[in-house]
Amino acid sequence: MTPDPTAGAPGFDRHMLEALVCPVTHTTLHYDAARQELVSRAAGLAFPIRDGIPIMLVGEARQIKAD
C-alpha cells in the first residue's frame, strides 16, 4: 500500500487536491508536505496551505525555480 502524502496535513483533504488546478495554467498541482504547499511546476509557483486551506491566489504564491 502506498503511503498517503497528505496524511500529515491537518484538515487537508486529498480529494480536494484532485479537484484543484493551478489558477494560472489550469494544470495539475503537486502537494509538498514538508512546506505545506501546492506546487504548480508549469507556472513555477507554490501556493501555501494555511490551517488546511489552500490559498490559491497568485499574489500569495511563492515563485520557485524550475529544475
PDB file of N, CA and C in Angstrom:
ATOM      1  N   MET A   1       0.843  -1.193   0.000  1.00  0.00           N
ATOM      2  CA  MET A   1       0.000   0.000   0.000  1.00  0.00           C
ATOM      3  C   MET A   1       0.881   1.246   0.000  1.00  0.00           C
ATOM      4  N   THR A   2       0.571   2.199  -0.847  1.00  0.00           N
ATOM      5  CA  THR A   2       1.329   3.440  -0.955  1.00  0.00           C
ATOM      6  C   THR A   2       0.907   4.385   0.155  1.00  0.00           C
ATOM      7  N   PRO A   3       1.888   5.009   0.846  1.00  0.00           N
ATOM      8  CA  PRO A   3       1.515   5.951   1.907  1.00  0.00           C
ATOM      9  C   PRO A   3       0.829   7.188   1.328  1.00  0.00           C
ATOM     10  N   ASP A   4      -0.114   7.723   2.072  1.00  0.00           N
ATOM     11  CA  ASP A   4      -0.866   8.901   1.659  1.00  0.00           C
ATOM     12  C   ASP A   4      -0.011  10.140   1.906  1.00  0.00           C
ATOM     13  N   PRO A   5       0.371  10.908   0.861  1.00  0.00           N
ATOM     14  CA  PRO A   5       1.231  12.071   1.063  1.00  0.00           C
ATOM     15  C   PRO A   5       0.559  13.200   1.818  1.00  0.00           C
ATOM     16  N   THR A   6      -0.755  13.169   1.948  1.00  0.00           N
ATOM     17  CA  THR A   6      -1.470  14.224   2.663  1.00  0.00           C
ATOM     18  C   THR A   6      -1.823  13.820   4.088  1.00  0.00           C
ATOM     19  N   ALA A   7      -1.333  12.681   4.547  1.00  0.00           N
ATOM     20  CA  ALA A   7      -1.724  12.171   5.858  1.00  0.00           C
ATOM     21  C   ALA A   7      -1.355  13.113   6.991  1.00  0.00           C
ATOM     22  N   GLY A   8      -0.244  13.842   6.889  1.00  0.00           N
ATOM     23  CA  GLY A   8       0.194  14.716   7.966  1.00  0.00           C
ATOM     24  C   GLY A   8      -0.410  16.102   7.952  1.00  0.00           C
ATOM     25  N   ALA A   9      -1.197  16.418   6.968  1.00  0.00           N
ATOM     26  CA  ALA A   9      -1.751  17.760   6.846  1.00  0.00           C
ATOM     27  C   ALA A   9      -3.066  17.861   7.598  1.00  0.00           C
ATOM     28  N   PRO A  10      -3.092  18.674   8.658  1.00  0.00           N
ATOM     29  CA  PRO A  10      -4.335  18.803   9.411  1.00  0.00           C
ATOM     30  C   PRO A  10      -5.425  19.459   8.582  1.00  0.00           C
ATOM     31  N   GLY A  11      -6.528  18.766   8.424  1.00  0.00           N
ATOM     32  CA  GLY A  11      -7.661  19.318   7.719  1.00  0.00           C
ATOM     33  C   GLY A  11      -7.532  19.353   6.204  1.00  0.00           C
ATOM     34  N   PHE A  12      -6.427  18.865   5.651  1.00  0.00           N
ATOM     35  CA  PHE A  12      -6.247  18.890   4.195  1.00  0.00           C
ATOM     36  C   PHE A  12      -6.771  17.588   3.626  1.00  0.00           C
ATOM     37  N   ASP A  13      -7.698  17.696   2.701  1.00  0.00           N
ATOM     38  CA  ASP A  13      -8.368  16.544   2.117  1.00  0.00           C
ATOM     39  C   ASP A  13      -7.759  16.220   0.753  1.00  0.00           C
ATOM     40  N   ARG A  14      -7.298  14.993   0.573  1.00  0.00           N
ATOM     41  CA  ARG A  14      -6.685  14.561  -0.684  1.00  0.00           C
ATOM     42  C   ARG A  14      -7.637  14.731  -1.863  1.00  0.00           C
ATOM     43  N   HIS A  15      -8.906  14.528  -1.643  1.00  0.00           N
ATOM     44  CA  HIS A  15      -9.891  14.688  -2.716  1.00  0.00           C
ATOM     45  C   HIS A  15      -9.950  16.138  -3.199  1.00  0.00           C
ATOM     46  N   MET A  16      -9.674  17.082  -2.291  1.00  0.00           N
ATOM     47  CA  MET A  16      -9.631  18.485  -2.677  1.00  0.00           C
ATOM     48  C   MET A  16      -8.468  18.710  -3.651  1.00  0.00           C
ATOM     49  N   LEU A  17      -7.329  18.073  -3.400  1.00  0.00           N
ATOM     50  CA  LEU A  17      -6.179  18.204  -4.286  1.00  0.00           C
ATOM     51  C   LEU A  17      -6.513  17.723  -5.694  1.00  0.00           C
ATOM     52  N   GLU A  18      -7.263  16.658  -5.789  1.00  0.00           N
ATOM     53  CA  GLU A  18      -7.649  16.122  -7.097  1.00  0.00           C
ATOM     54  C   GLU A  18      -8.556  17.092  -7.857  1.00  0.00           C
ATOM     55  N   ALA A  19      -9.284  17.933  -7.146  1.00  0.00           N
ATOM     56  CA  ALA A  19     -10.210  18.869  -7.782  1.00  0.00           C
ATOM     57  C   ALA A  19      -9.558  20.206  -8.120  1.00  0.00           C
ATOM     58  N   LEU A  20      -8.462  20.548  -7.431  1.00  0.00           N
ATOM     59  CA  LEU A  20      -7.813  21.837  -7.652  1.00  0.00           C
ATOM     60  C   LEU A  20      -6.841  21.794  -8.818  1.00  0.00           C
ATOM     61  N   VAL A  21      -6.757  22.895  -9.524  1.00  0.00           N
ATOM     62  CA  VAL A  21      -5.769  23.062 -10.587  1.00  0.00           C
ATOM     63  C   VAL A  21      -5.126  24.435 -10.401  1.00  0.00           C
ATOM     64  N   CYS A  22      -4.001  24.631 -11.039  1.00  0.00           N
ATOM     65  CA  CYS A  22      -3.304  25.912 -10.978  1.00  0.00           C
ATOM     66  C   CYS A  22      -4.203  27.000 -11.573  1.00  0.00           C
ATOM     67  N   PRO A  23      -4.386  28.122 -10.881  1.00  0.00           N
ATOM     68  CA  PRO A  23      -5.235  29.184 -11.416  1.00  0.00           C
ATOM     69  C   PRO A  23      -4.607  29.901 -12.616  1.00  0.00           C
ATOM     70  N   VAL A  24      -3.317  29.714 -12.838  1.00  0.00           N
ATOM     71  CA  VAL A  24      -2.637  30.361 -13.958  1.00  0.00           C
ATOM     72  C   VAL A  24      -2.648  29.474 -15.196  1.00  0.00           C
ATOM     73  N   THR A  25      -2.221  28.211 -15.033  1.00  0.00           N
ATOM     74  CA  THR A  25      -2.044  27.313 -16.179  1.00  0.00           C
ATOM     75  C   THR A  25      -3.137  26.258 -16.312  1.00  0.00           C
ATOM     76  N   HIS A  26      -3.944  26.100 -15.277  1.00  0.00           N
ATOM     77  CA  HIS A  26      -5.002  25.081 -15.234  1.00  0.00           C
ATOM     78  C   HIS A  26      -4.428  23.663 -15.332  1.00  0.00           C
ATOM     79  N   THR A  27      -3.206  23.480 -14.813  1.00  0.00           N
ATOM     80  CA  THR A  27      -2.557  22.167 -14.801  1.00  0.00           C
ATOM     81  C   THR A  27      -2.597  21.586 -13.389  1.00  0.00           C
ATOM     82  N   THR A  28      -2.188  20.343 -13.290  1.00  0.00           N
ATOM     83  CA  THR A  28      -2.178  19.606 -12.029  1.00  0.00           C
ATOM     84  C   THR A  28      -1.239  20.247 -11.018  1.00  0.00           C
ATOM     85  N   LEU A  29      -1.645  20.202  -9.753  1.00  0.00           N
ATOM     86  CA  LEU A  29      -0.816  20.670  -8.649  1.00  0.00           C
ATOM     87  C   LEU A  29      -0.216  19.473  -7.920  1.00  0.00           C
ATOM     88  N   HIS A  30       0.949  19.673  -7.338  1.00  0.00           N
ATOM     89  CA  HIS A  30       1.621  18.622  -6.572  1.00  0.00           C
ATOM     90  C   HIS A  30       1.748  19.083  -5.134  1.00  0.00           C
ATOM     91  N   TYR A  31       1.436  18.186  -4.201  1.00  0.00           N
ATOM     92  CA  TYR A  31       1.445  18.511  -2.783  1.00  0.00           C
ATOM     93  C   TYR A  31       2.842  18.345  -2.211  1.00  0.00           C
ATOM     94  N   ASP A  32       3.370  19.396  -1.586  1.00  0.00           N
ATOM     95  CA  ASP A  32       4.653  19.360  -0.889  1.00  0.00           C
ATOM     96  C   ASP A  32       4.347  19.374   0.606  1.00  0.00           C
ATOM     97  N   ALA A  33       4.402  18.187   1.215  1.00  0.00           N
ATOM     98  CA  ALA A  33       4.029  18.051   2.626  1.00  0.00           C
ATOM     99  C   ALA A  33       4.993  18.790   3.542  1.00  0.00           C
ATOM    100  N   ALA A  34       6.268  18.790   3.209  1.00  0.00           N
ATOM    101  CA  ALA A  34       7.269  19.428   4.065  1.00  0.00           C
ATOM    102  C   ALA A  34       7.042  20.938   4.162  1.00  0.00           C
ATOM    103  N   ARG A  35       6.675  21.557   3.069  1.00  0.00           N
ATOM    104  CA  ARG A  35       6.468  23.007   3.039  1.00  0.00           C
ATOM    105  C   ARG A  35       5.003  23.409   3.185  1.00  0.00           C
ATOM    106  N   GLN A  36       4.101  22.418   3.180  1.00  0.00           N
ATOM    107  CA  GLN A  36       2.660  22.695   3.217  1.00  0.00           C
ATOM    108  C   GLN A  36       2.277  23.648   2.088  1.00  0.00           C
ATOM    109  N   GLU A  37       2.573  23.201   0.862  1.00  0.00           N
ATOM    110  CA  GLU A  37       2.278  23.984  -0.327  1.00  0.00           C
ATOM    111  C   GLU A  37       1.730  23.097  -1.431  1.00  0.00           C
ATOM    112  N   LEU A  38       0.996  23.709  -2.339  1.00  0.00           N
ATOM    113  CA  LEU A  38       0.586  23.070  -3.581  1.00  0.00           C
ATOM    114  C   LEU A  38       1.430  23.700  -4.680  1.00  0.00           C
ATOM    115  N   VAL A  39       2.176  22.876  -5.395  1.00  0.00           N
ATOM    116  CA  VAL A  39       3.153  23.357  -6.354  1.00  0.00           C
ATOM    117  C   VAL A  39       2.634  23.189  -7.780  1.00  0.00           C
ATOM    118  N   SER A  40       2.716  24.277  -8.533  1.00  0.00           N
ATOM    119  CA  SER A  40       2.427  24.250  -9.966  1.00  0.00           C
ATOM    120  C   SER A  40       3.773  24.340 -10.672  1.00  0.00           C
ATOM    121  N   ARG A  41       4.253  23.214 -11.147  1.00  0.00           N
ATOM    122  CA  ARG A  41       5.541  23.199 -11.848  1.00  0.00           C
ATOM    123  C   ARG A  41       5.452  23.978 -13.154  1.00  0.00           C
ATOM    124  N   ALA A  42       4.303  23.923 -13.811  1.00  0.00           N
ATOM    125  CA  ALA A  42       4.123  24.611 -15.092  1.00  0.00           C
ATOM    126  C   ALA A  42       4.227  26.132 -14.928  1.00  0.00           C
ATOM    127  N   ALA A  43       3.687  26.663 -13.842  1.00  0.00           N
ATOM    128  CA  ALA A  43       3.705  28.105 -13.610  1.00  0.00           C
ATOM    129  C   ALA A  43       4.919  28.544 -12.804  1.00  0.00           C
ATOM    130  N   GLY A  44       5.593  27.582 -12.162  1.00  0.00           N
ATOM    131  CA  GLY A  44       6.724  27.931 -11.307  1.00  0.00           C
ATOM    132  C   GLY A  44       6.281  28.625 -10.034  1.00  0.00           C
ATOM    133  N   LEU A  45       5.119  28.207  -9.511  1.00  0.00           N
ATOM    134  CA  LEU A  45       4.554  28.818  -8.309  1.00  0.00           C
ATOM    135  C   LEU A  45       4.216  27.759  -7.270  1.00  0.00           C
ATOM    136  N   ALA A  46       4.318  28.150  -6.001  1.00  0.00           N
ATOM    137  CA  ALA A  46       3.916  27.289  -4.895  1.00  0.00           C
ATOM    138  C   ALA A  46       2.881  28.042  -4.068  1.00  0.00           C
ATOM    139  N   PHE A  47       1.695  27.466  -3.959  1.00  0.00           N
ATOM    140  CA  PHE A  47       0.592  28.086  -3.229  1.00  0.00           C
ATOM    141  C   PHE A  47       0.565  27.543  -1.800  1.00  0.00           C
ATOM    142  N   PRO A  48       0.539  28.416  -0.806  1.00  0.00           N
ATOM    143  CA  PRO A  48       0.584  27.953   0.583  1.00  0.00           C
ATOM    144  C   PRO A  48      -0.720  27.296   1.028  1.00  0.00           C
ATOM    145  N   ILE A  49      -0.579  26.403   2.010  1.00  0.00           N
ATOM    146  CA  ILE A  49      -1.741  25.816   2.675  1.00  0.00           C
ATOM    147  C   ILE A  49      -1.691  26.322   4.108  1.00  0.00           C
ATOM    148  N   ARG A  50      -2.716  27.049   4.514  1.00  0.00           N
ATOM    149  CA  ARG A  50      -2.770  27.617   5.866  1.00  0.00           C
ATOM    150  C   ARG A  50      -3.971  27.042   6.604  1.00  0.00           C
ATOM    151  N   ASP A  51      -3.695  26.416   7.732  1.00  0.00           N
ATOM    152  CA  ASP A  51      -4.753  25.802   8.541  1.00  0.00           C
ATOM    153  C   ASP A  51      -5.600  24.843   7.716  1.00  0.00           C
ATOM    154  N   GLY A  52      -4.932  24.116   6.798  1.00  0.00           N
ATOM    155  CA  GLY A  52      -5.619  23.124   5.983  1.00  0.00           C
ATOM    156  C   GLY A  52      -6.344  23.689   4.778  1.00  0.00           C
ATOM    157  N   ILE A  53      -6.212  25.003   4.530  1.00  0.00           N
ATOM    158  CA  ILE A  53      -6.909  25.645   3.421  1.00  0.00           C
ATOM    159  C   ILE A  53      -5.896  26.116   2.380  1.00  0.00           C
ATOM    160  N   PRO A  54      -5.989  25.618   1.153  1.00  0.00           N
ATOM    161  CA  PRO A  54      -5.088  26.093   0.094  1.00  0.00           C
ATOM    162  C   PRO A  54      -5.416  27.537  -0.279  1.00  0.00           C
ATOM    163  N   ILE A  55      -4.406  28.373  -0.311  1.00  0.00           N
ATOM    164  CA  ILE A  55      -4.568  29.774  -0.699  1.00  0.00           C
ATOM    165  C   ILE A  55      -4.168  29.873  -2.166  1.00  0.00           C
ATOM    166  N   MET A  56      -5.158  29.900  -3.045  1.00  0.00           N
ATOM    167  CA  MET A  56      -4.932  29.808  -4.485  1.00  0.00           C
ATOM    168  C   MET A  56      -4.883  31.180  -5.149  1.00  0.00           C
ATOM    169  N   LEU A  57      -4.284  32.137  -4.494  1.00  0.00           N
ATOM    170  CA  LEU A  57      -4.137  33.484  -5.030  1.00  0.00           C
ATOM    171  C   LEU A  57      -2.715  33.664  -5.542  1.00  0.00           C
ATOM    172  N   VAL A  58      -2.571  34.145  -6.760  1.00  0.00           N
ATOM    173  CA  VAL A  58      -1.245  34.328  -7.354  1.00  0.00           C
ATOM    174  C   VAL A  58      -0.400  35.268  -6.496  1.00  0.00           C
ATOM    175  N   GLY A  59      -1.006  36.283  -5.930  1.00  0.00           N
ATOM    176  CA  GLY A  59      -0.288  37.228  -5.073  1.00  0.00           C
ATOM    177  C   GLY A  59       0.257  36.610  -3.802  1.00  0.00           C
ATOM    178  N   GLU A  60      -0.295  35.490  -3.364  1.00  0.00           N
ATOM    179  CA  GLU A  60       0.152  34.796  -2.163  1.00  0.00           C
ATOM    180  C   GLU A  60       1.153  33.680  -2.480  1.00  0.00           C
ATOM    181  N   ALA A  61       1.299  33.354  -3.767  1.00  0.00           N
ATOM    182  CA  ALA A  61       2.162  32.240  -4.170  1.00  0.00           C
ATOM    183  C   ALA A  61       3.635  32.628  -4.112  1.00  0.00           C
ATOM    184  N   ARG A  62       4.455  31.618  -3.870  1.00  0.00           N
ATOM    185  CA  ARG A  62       5.909  31.777  -3.849  1.00  0.00           C
ATOM    186  C   ARG A  62       6.441  31.322  -5.206  1.00  0.00           C
ATOM    187  N   GLN A  63       7.340  32.120  -5.788  1.00  0.00           N
ATOM    188  CA  GLN A  63       7.953  31.701  -7.048  1.00  0.00           C
ATOM    189  C   GLN A  63       9.008  30.652  -6.765  1.00  0.00           C
ATOM    190  N   ILE A  64       9.022  29.633  -7.614  1.00  0.00           N
ATOM    191  CA  ILE A  64      10.009  28.552  -7.473  1.00  0.00           C
ATOM    192  C   ILE A  64      10.833  28.461  -8.742  1.00  0.00           C
ATOM    193  N   LYS A  65      12.005  27.905  -8.595  1.00  0.00           N
ATOM    194  CA  LYS A  65      12.861  27.677  -9.749  1.00  0.00           C
ATOM    195  C   LYS A  65      12.486  26.353 -10.397  1.00  0.00           C
ATOM    196  N   ALA A  66      12.464  26.320 -11.711  1.00  0.00           N
ATOM    197  CA  ALA A  66      12.215  25.071 -12.434  1.00  0.00           C
ATOM    198  C   ALA A  66      13.484  24.236 -12.436  1.00  0.00           C
ATOM    199  N   ASP A  67      13.334  22.960 -12.155  1.00  0.00           N
ATOM    200  CA  ASP A  67      14.501  22.060 -12.144  1.00  0.00           C
ATOM    201  C   ASP A  67      14.719  21.441 -13.495  1.00  0.00           C
TER     202      ASP A  67
END
